[in-house]
Amino acid sequence: MQAFLEYVIKGLVSKPDAVTITPVERQGTTVYEVRVDGADMGKVIGRQGMTINAIRSLVLAGSAKRGLRCAVEVVEDR
């Protein structure tokens, strides 16, 4: 799932080298923490969260097909 997520996110942003995806285990669920450059944050989230919600749906469906539980969070670094 991480490779798929990297492929999709890096295709959206203008600075793909700044993309980092960190898997974190929380209560039996793998949460992928996505960090992107501040200028690309809007591209990943999309209008009214449409883009990130679509990405989350794809990850959820793909992980369920494999018998896993996965989620996606966009983390803003300050």
C-alpha atoms as a PDB file:
ATOM      1  CA  MET A   1       0.000   0.000   0.000  1.00  0.00           C
ATOM      2  CA  GLN A   2       2.862   2.375   0.728  1.00  0.00           C
ATOM      3  CA  ALA A   3       4.250   2.060  -2.807  1.00  0.00           C
ATOM      4  CA  PHE A   4       0.820   2.779  -4.281  1.00  0.00           C
ATOM      5  CA  LEU A   5       0.378   5.779  -2.005  1.00  0.00           C
ATOM      6  CA  GLU A   6       3.806   7.158  -2.948  1.00  0.00           C
ATOM      7  CA  TYR A   7       3.018   6.742  -6.649  1.00  0.00           C
ATOM      8  CA  VAL A   8      -0.275   8.628  -6.385  1.00  0.00           C
ATOM      9  CA  ILE A   9       0.950  11.443  -4.117  1.00  0.00           C
ATOM     10  CA  LYS A  10       4.176  12.039  -6.046  1.00  0.00           C
ATOM     11  CA  GLY A  11       2.140  12.278  -9.235  1.00  0.00           C
ATOM     12  CA  LEU A  12       0.053  15.084  -7.756  1.00  0.00           C
ATOM     13  CA  VAL A  13       2.708  17.361  -6.286  1.00  0.00           C
ATOM     14  CA  SER A  14       5.229  19.681  -7.930  1.00  0.00           C
ATOM     15  CA  LYS A  15       8.043  18.688  -5.518  1.00  0.00           C
ATOM     16  CA  PRO A  16       7.974  14.868  -5.396  1.00  0.00           C
ATOM     17  CA  ASP A  17      11.340  14.740  -3.597  1.00  0.00           C
ATOM     18  CA  ALA A  18       9.749  16.406  -0.557  1.00  0.00           C
ATOM     19  CA  VAL A  19       7.132  13.658  -0.140  1.00  0.00           C
ATOM     20  CA  THR A  20       7.621  11.335   2.841  1.00  0.00           C
ATOM     21  CA  ILE A  21       5.242   8.580   3.863  1.00  0.00           C
ATOM     22  CA  THR A  22       5.697   6.994   7.271  1.00  0.00           C
ATOM     23  CA  PRO A  23       3.727   3.897   8.324  1.00  0.00           C
ATOM     24  CA  VAL A  24       2.687   3.921  11.991  1.00  0.00           C
ATOM     25  CA  GLU A  25       0.868   1.086  13.788  1.00  0.00           C
ATOM     26  CA  ARG A  26      -2.091   2.255  15.896  1.00  0.00           C
ATOM     27  CA  GLN A  27      -4.530  -0.191  17.483  1.00  0.00           C
ATOM     28  CA  GLY A  28      -4.161  -2.823  14.772  1.00  0.00           C
ATOM     29  CA  THR A  29      -4.385  -0.304  11.933  1.00  0.00           C
ATOM     30  CA  THR A  30      -1.511   0.899   9.771  1.00  0.00           C
ATOM     31  CA  VAL A  31      -1.734   4.681   9.496  1.00  0.00           C
ATOM     32  CA  TYR A  32       0.298   6.218   6.683  1.00  0.00           C
ATOM     33  CA  GLU A  33       1.426   9.703   7.684  1.00  0.00           C
ATOM     34  CA  VAL A  34       1.927  11.761   4.522  1.00  0.00           C
ATOM     35  CA  ARG A  35       4.178  14.822   4.619  1.00  0.00           C
ATOM     36  CA  VAL A  36       4.525  17.125   1.607  1.00  0.00           C
ATOM     37  CA  ASP A  37       5.965  20.556   0.915  1.00  0.00           C
ATOM     38  CA  GLY A  38       3.740  23.353   2.233  1.00  0.00           C
ATOM     39  CA  ALA A  39       3.077  24.657  -1.277  1.00  0.00           C
ATOM     40  CA  ASP A  40       1.771  21.226  -2.356  1.00  0.00           C
ATOM     41  CA  MET A  41      -0.558  20.724   0.617  1.00  0.00           C
ATOM     42  CA  GLY A  42      -3.550  22.130  -1.275  1.00  0.00           C
ATOM     43  CA  LYS A  43      -2.955  19.824  -4.231  1.00  0.00           C
ATOM     44  CA  VAL A  44      -3.003  16.752  -2.009  1.00  0.00           C
ATOM     45  CA  ILE A  45      -6.082  17.829  -0.049  1.00  0.00           C
ATOM     46  CA  GLY A  46      -8.038  19.238  -2.997  1.00  0.00           C
ATOM     47  CA  ARG A  47     -11.170  21.331  -2.966  1.00  0.00           C
ATOM     48  CA  GLN A  48     -13.244  20.547   0.109  1.00  0.00           C
ATOM     49  CA  GLY A  49     -10.994  17.517   0.713  1.00  0.00           C
ATOM     50  CA  MET A  50     -12.135  15.697  -2.413  1.00  0.00           C
ATOM     51  CA  THR A  51      -8.669  14.524  -3.487  1.00  0.00           C
ATOM     52  CA  ILE A  52      -7.528  13.203  -0.107  1.00  0.00           C
ATOM     53  CA  ASN A  53     -10.908  11.522   0.436  1.00  0.00           C
ATOM     54  CA  ALA A  54     -10.565   9.738  -2.915  1.00  0.00           C
ATOM     55  CA  ILE A  55      -7.033   8.606  -1.986  1.00  0.00           C
ATOM     56  CA  ARG A  56      -8.286   7.372   1.393  1.00  0.00           C
ATOM     57  CA  SER A  57     -11.081   5.416  -0.297  1.00  0.00           C
ATOM     58  CA  LEU A  58      -8.623   3.726  -2.664  1.00  0.00           C
ATOM     59  CA  VAL A  59      -6.260   2.792   0.179  1.00  0.00           C
ATOM     60  CA  LEU A  60      -9.152   1.513   2.291  1.00  0.00           C
ATOM     61  CA  ALA A  61     -10.507  -0.648  -0.534  1.00  0.00           C
ATOM     62  CA  GLY A  62      -7.069  -1.972  -1.513  1.00  0.00           C
ATOM     63  CA  SER A  63      -6.129  -2.822   2.044  1.00  0.00           C
ATOM     64  CA  ALA A  64      -9.471  -4.511   2.755  1.00  0.00           C
ATOM     65  CA  LYS A  65      -8.968  -6.685  -0.308  1.00  0.00           C
ATOM     66  CA  ARG A  66      -5.695  -7.880   1.230  1.00  0.00           C
ATOM     67  CA  GLY A  67      -7.235  -8.355   4.681  1.00  0.00           C
ATOM     68  CA  LEU A  68      -5.453  -5.343   6.202  1.00  0.00           C
ATOM     69  CA  ARG A  69      -6.641  -2.191   7.922  1.00  0.00           C
ATOM     70  CA  CYS A  70      -5.015   1.005   6.648  1.00  0.00           C
ATOM     71  CA  ALA A  71      -5.687   4.729   6.882  1.00  0.00           C
ATOM     72  CA  VAL A  72      -4.095   7.899   5.501  1.00  0.00           C
ATOM     73  CA  GLU A  73      -3.336  11.113   7.400  1.00  0.00           C
ATOM     74  CA  VAL A  74      -1.832  14.279   5.969  1.00  0.00           C
ATOM     75  CA  VAL A  75       0.562  15.731   8.540  1.00  0.00           C
ATOM     76  CA  GLU A  76       1.481  19.401   8.495  1.00  0.00           C
ATOM     77  CA  ASP A  77       4.988  20.161   9.749  1.00  0.00           C
ATOM     78  CA  ARG A  78       5.466  23.468  11.499  1.00  0.00           C
END
